[in-house]
Amino acid sequence: MAKQQPGNQTAGTPDLSETELREMKVDELRERARDEGVSGASSLRKEELVKAVSKAHREGTAETKDEGKGGDDAGSPGDAGPDGGRIRRGSESSKSLKYSQEITSPDDEPERAGRSLATTNHEVIRQWAEERGGRPATVEGTEHGDRLGVLRFDFGEDTRKLREVSWDEWFRTFDERKLNFLYQEERTDGRQSTFFRLENPEREDA
């Protein structure tokens, strides 16, 4: 019989205490997260790590997450997306995509400053935007019925045409349209870059 632990117990896992997890150092939590098979553990915040470890332990979905299948919430921390971050290719793939470095995990590093990067990994995209103060948005007036219009990020500029949406909505639309996310982490001079572009490999204009 498992020893009863003090503090708040995670539902369905009496041997795992969220209180104990919160008392752990971030590095210890990340190591525990990796043991549980949580992807992108090195870039998650402490509370995100606690929730991710609890969820992985409770549901035993480590293998599914590693394969990039994700959960029901497309914007949840650690979500890699349906293609596991791999680039989607097609007849209209641009030269920019062909010469971009493929990023499939938050742990991947650009080969050099100013390098063109490409991914479909939800967590990579979410972290990139949030590190720059960006929020998921769509361009008003471009919607198709109940479907989102052109996907963008709101970086806090005075752009009245942008309407903020949830990460779940944004990524579901991103995947439905089979888009790639082309971007830069840094400019060639080492300064942070906010450049990005969305591309559908089956047509020239996404």
Protein backbone atom coordinates (compact mmCIF):
# COMPACT_ATOMS: atom_id res chain seq x y z
CA MET A 1 0.00 0.00 0.00
CA ALA A 2 1.39 3.38 -1.02
CA LYS A 3 2.35 5.73 1.79
CA GLN A 4 -0.07 8.62 2.19
CA GLN A 5 1.62 11.89 1.32
CA PRO A 6 0.78 15.21 2.99
CA GLY A 7 -0.76 18.13 1.13
CA ASN A 8 -3.03 18.28 -1.89
CA GLN A 9 -3.12 14.97 -3.72
CA THR A 10 -3.54 14.89 -7.47
CA ALA A 11 -6.87 13.28 -8.34
CA GLY A 12 -6.43 9.62 -9.20
CA THR A 13 -2.81 9.58 -8.04
CA PRO A 14 -2.65 9.31 -4.23
CA ASP A 15 1.11 8.79 -4.44
CA LEU A 16 1.68 12.15 -6.16
CA SER A 17 1.29 15.37 -4.20
CA GLU A 18 1.08 18.69 -6.05
CA THR A 19 2.13 20.37 -2.82
CA GLU A 20 5.36 18.36 -2.84
CA LEU A 21 5.87 19.12 -6.52
CA ARG A 22 5.58 22.85 -5.84
CA GLU A 23 8.21 22.56 -3.11
CA MET A 24 10.69 21.09 -5.59
CA LYS A 25 13.22 23.26 -7.39
CA VAL A 26 12.57 24.01 -11.06
CA ASP A 27 15.51 21.84 -12.18
CA GLU A 28 14.17 18.94 -10.12
CA LEU A 29 10.71 19.42 -11.59
CA ARG A 30 12.12 19.43 -15.11
CA GLU A 31 13.97 16.19 -14.43
CA ARG A 32 10.76 14.65 -13.06
CA ALA A 33 8.87 15.94 -16.11
CA ARG A 34 11.37 14.29 -18.46
CA ASP A 35 11.00 11.04 -16.50
CA GLU A 36 7.23 11.29 -17.04
CA GLY A 37 7.79 11.87 -20.78
CA VAL A 38 6.66 15.52 -20.85
CA SER A 39 7.95 17.19 -24.01
CA GLY A 40 9.49 20.68 -23.86
CA ALA A 41 10.11 20.42 -20.12
CA SER A 42 13.20 22.64 -20.25
CA SER A 43 11.12 25.68 -21.22
CA LEU A 44 8.03 25.27 -19.02
CA ARG A 45 7.39 27.56 -16.05
CA LYS A 46 7.18 26.07 -12.56
CA GLU A 47 3.38 25.92 -12.29
CA GLU A 48 3.18 24.55 -15.85
CA LEU A 49 5.67 21.85 -14.85
CA VAL A 50 3.57 20.93 -11.81
CA LYS A 51 0.43 20.59 -13.94
CA ALA A 52 2.23 18.76 -16.76
CA VAL A 53 3.84 16.23 -14.40
CA SER A 54 0.52 15.66 -12.63
CA LYS A 55 -1.32 15.17 -15.91
CA ALA A 56 1.31 12.84 -17.38
CA HIS A 57 1.43 10.78 -14.19
CA ARG A 58 -2.36 10.66 -13.93
CA GLU A 59 -3.16 9.79 -17.53
CA GLY A 60 0.00 7.93 -18.47
CA THR A 61 0.13 9.72 -21.82
CA ALA A 62 3.87 10.19 -22.07
CA GLU A 63 4.19 8.16 -25.26
CA THR A 64 1.36 10.01 -26.93
CA LYS A 65 2.89 13.36 -26.07
CA ASP A 66 6.32 12.34 -27.36
CA GLU A 67 4.72 11.41 -30.67
CA GLY A 68 3.23 14.88 -30.83
CA LYS A 69 -0.42 13.87 -30.76
CA GLY A 70 -1.22 16.20 -27.88
CA GLY A 71 -4.47 16.43 -25.89
CA ASP A 72 -7.86 17.93 -26.61
CA ASP A 73 -6.53 21.44 -25.94
CA ALA A 74 -4.34 22.44 -28.89
CA GLY A 75 -2.84 25.34 -26.94
CA SER A 76 -1.88 23.46 -23.79
CA PRO A 77 1.74 23.67 -22.54
CA GLY A 78 4.00 21.03 -24.08
CA ASP A 79 1.70 20.40 -27.05
CA ALA A 80 3.78 19.53 -30.11
CA GLY A 81 0.90 19.44 -32.59
CA PRO A 82 -0.28 16.64 -34.91
CA ASP A 83 2.94 16.55 -36.93
CA GLY A 84 5.31 16.60 -33.96
CA GLY A 85 6.77 19.92 -35.07
CA ARG A 86 7.88 18.62 -38.47
CA ILE A 87 7.59 20.89 -41.51
CA ARG A 88 4.66 20.29 -43.86
CA ARG A 89 5.84 20.04 -47.45
CA GLY A 90 3.98 20.33 -50.75
CA SER A 91 4.13 21.39 -54.38
CA GLU A 92 4.10 25.11 -53.52
CA SER A 93 6.74 25.04 -50.76
CA SER A 94 8.71 28.29 -50.94
CA LYS A 95 12.46 28.61 -51.27
CA SER A 96 12.43 30.20 -47.82
CA LEU A 97 10.97 27.01 -46.37
CA LYS A 98 13.44 24.81 -48.22
CA TYR A 99 16.40 26.71 -46.80
CA SER A 100 15.03 27.12 -43.28
CA GLN A 101 16.29 25.11 -40.32
CA GLU A 102 13.59 22.72 -39.09
CA ILE A 103 12.74 23.12 -35.39
CA THR A 104 10.72 20.28 -33.85
CA SER A 105 11.15 20.98 -30.12
CA PRO A 106 11.67 23.93 -27.73
CA ASP A 107 15.04 22.31 -26.97
CA ASP A 108 16.28 22.86 -30.55
CA GLU A 109 18.65 25.82 -30.99
CA PRO A 110 19.21 27.97 -34.11
CA GLU A 111 22.49 27.22 -35.86
CA ARG A 112 23.36 30.92 -35.84
CA ALA A 113 21.85 34.37 -35.21
CA GLY A 114 19.57 35.46 -38.01
CA ARG A 115 18.93 31.88 -39.16
CA SER A 116 15.59 31.31 -40.88
CA LEU A 117 13.62 28.73 -38.89
CA ALA A 118 10.47 26.70 -39.57
CA THR A 119 8.21 24.58 -37.37
CA THR A 120 4.70 23.31 -36.76
CA ASN A 121 5.34 22.65 -33.05
CA HIS A 122 2.63 24.38 -31.01
CA GLU A 123 4.81 24.88 -27.93
CA VAL A 124 7.67 26.40 -29.95
CA ILE A 125 5.26 28.86 -31.58
CA ARG A 126 3.49 29.74 -28.32
CA GLN A 127 6.75 30.38 -26.47
CA TRP A 128 8.15 32.46 -29.34
CA ALA A 129 5.08 34.70 -29.34
CA GLU A 130 4.77 35.02 -25.56
CA GLU A 131 8.45 35.88 -25.13
CA ARG A 132 7.74 38.89 -27.37
CA GLY A 133 4.50 39.86 -25.66
CA GLY A 134 2.44 38.43 -28.51
CA ARG A 135 -1.10 37.12 -28.19
CA PRO A 136 -2.93 34.93 -30.73
CA ALA A 137 -5.20 36.97 -32.99
CA THR A 138 -7.08 37.05 -36.28
CA VAL A 139 -7.60 39.92 -38.72
CA GLU A 140 -11.14 41.22 -38.41
CA GLY A 141 -13.14 41.17 -41.61
CA THR A 142 -11.32 38.11 -43.00
CA GLU A 143 -13.38 35.50 -41.15
CA HIS A 144 -15.33 32.83 -43.03
CA GLY A 145 -18.56 32.36 -41.09
CA ASP A 146 -17.58 30.89 -37.72
CA ARG A 147 -14.04 30.15 -38.91
CA LEU A 148 -11.13 32.42 -38.09
CA GLY A 149 -9.68 34.63 -40.79
CA VAL A 150 -6.02 35.48 -41.36
CA LEU A 151 -3.92 34.39 -38.38
CA ARG A 152 -1.64 36.94 -36.73
CA PHE A 153 -0.11 37.84 -33.36
CA ASP A 154 -0.99 40.99 -31.44
CA PHE A 155 2.27 42.45 -30.11
CA GLY A 156 0.49 45.34 -28.39
CA GLU A 157 0.79 47.72 -31.28
CA ASP A 158 -2.11 50.01 -32.21
CA THR A 159 -3.62 47.61 -34.71
CA ARG A 160 -7.39 47.88 -34.38
CA LYS A 161 -8.09 45.28 -37.05
CA LEU A 162 -6.73 42.47 -34.87
CA ARG A 163 -9.11 40.47 -32.67
CA GLU A 164 -7.59 38.36 -29.90
CA VAL A 165 -8.53 34.66 -29.89
CA SER A 166 -7.61 31.66 -27.74
CA TRP A 167 -4.53 29.54 -28.38
CA ASP A 168 -6.82 26.58 -28.90
CA GLU A 169 -8.71 28.37 -31.71
CA TRP A 170 -5.49 29.67 -33.25
CA PHE A 171 -3.75 26.28 -33.37
CA ARG A 172 -6.83 24.41 -34.57
CA THR A 173 -7.05 26.81 -37.52
CA PHE A 174 -3.28 26.59 -38.05
CA ASP A 175 -3.50 22.79 -38.31
CA GLU A 176 -6.71 22.73 -40.37
CA ARG A 177 -5.00 24.91 -42.97
CA LYS A 178 -1.83 22.78 -42.76
CA LEU A 179 0.35 25.84 -42.28
CA ASN A 180 4.06 26.13 -41.51
CA PHE A 181 5.43 28.78 -39.15
CA LEU A 182 8.53 30.50 -40.60
CA TYR A 183 10.34 32.79 -38.17
CA GLN A 184 13.55 34.15 -36.63
CA GLU A 185 14.70 34.08 -33.02
CA GLU A 186 17.32 36.79 -33.52
CA ARG A 187 18.36 39.21 -36.23
CA THR A 188 21.85 38.89 -37.66
CA ASP A 189 23.01 41.56 -35.18
CA GLY A 190 21.79 39.45 -32.27
CA ARG A 191 18.73 41.54 -31.42
CA GLN A 192 15.41 39.78 -30.81
CA SER A 193 13.34 39.40 -33.95
CA THR A 194 9.56 39.50 -34.34
CA PHE A 195 9.64 38.36 -37.97
CA PHE A 196 7.32 35.49 -38.84
CA ARG A 197 5.30 34.23 -41.77
CA LEU A 198 2.64 31.54 -42.19
CA GLU A 199 2.80 29.42 -45.30
CA ASN A 200 0.67 26.67 -46.82
CA PRO A 201 2.95 24.34 -48.84
CA GLU A 202 0.10 23.52 -51.25
CA ARG A 203 -0.45 27.09 -52.38
CA GLU A 204 1.62 30.23 -52.68
CA ASP A 205 -0.42 32.44 -50.34
CA ALA A 206 -1.56 31.07 -46.96
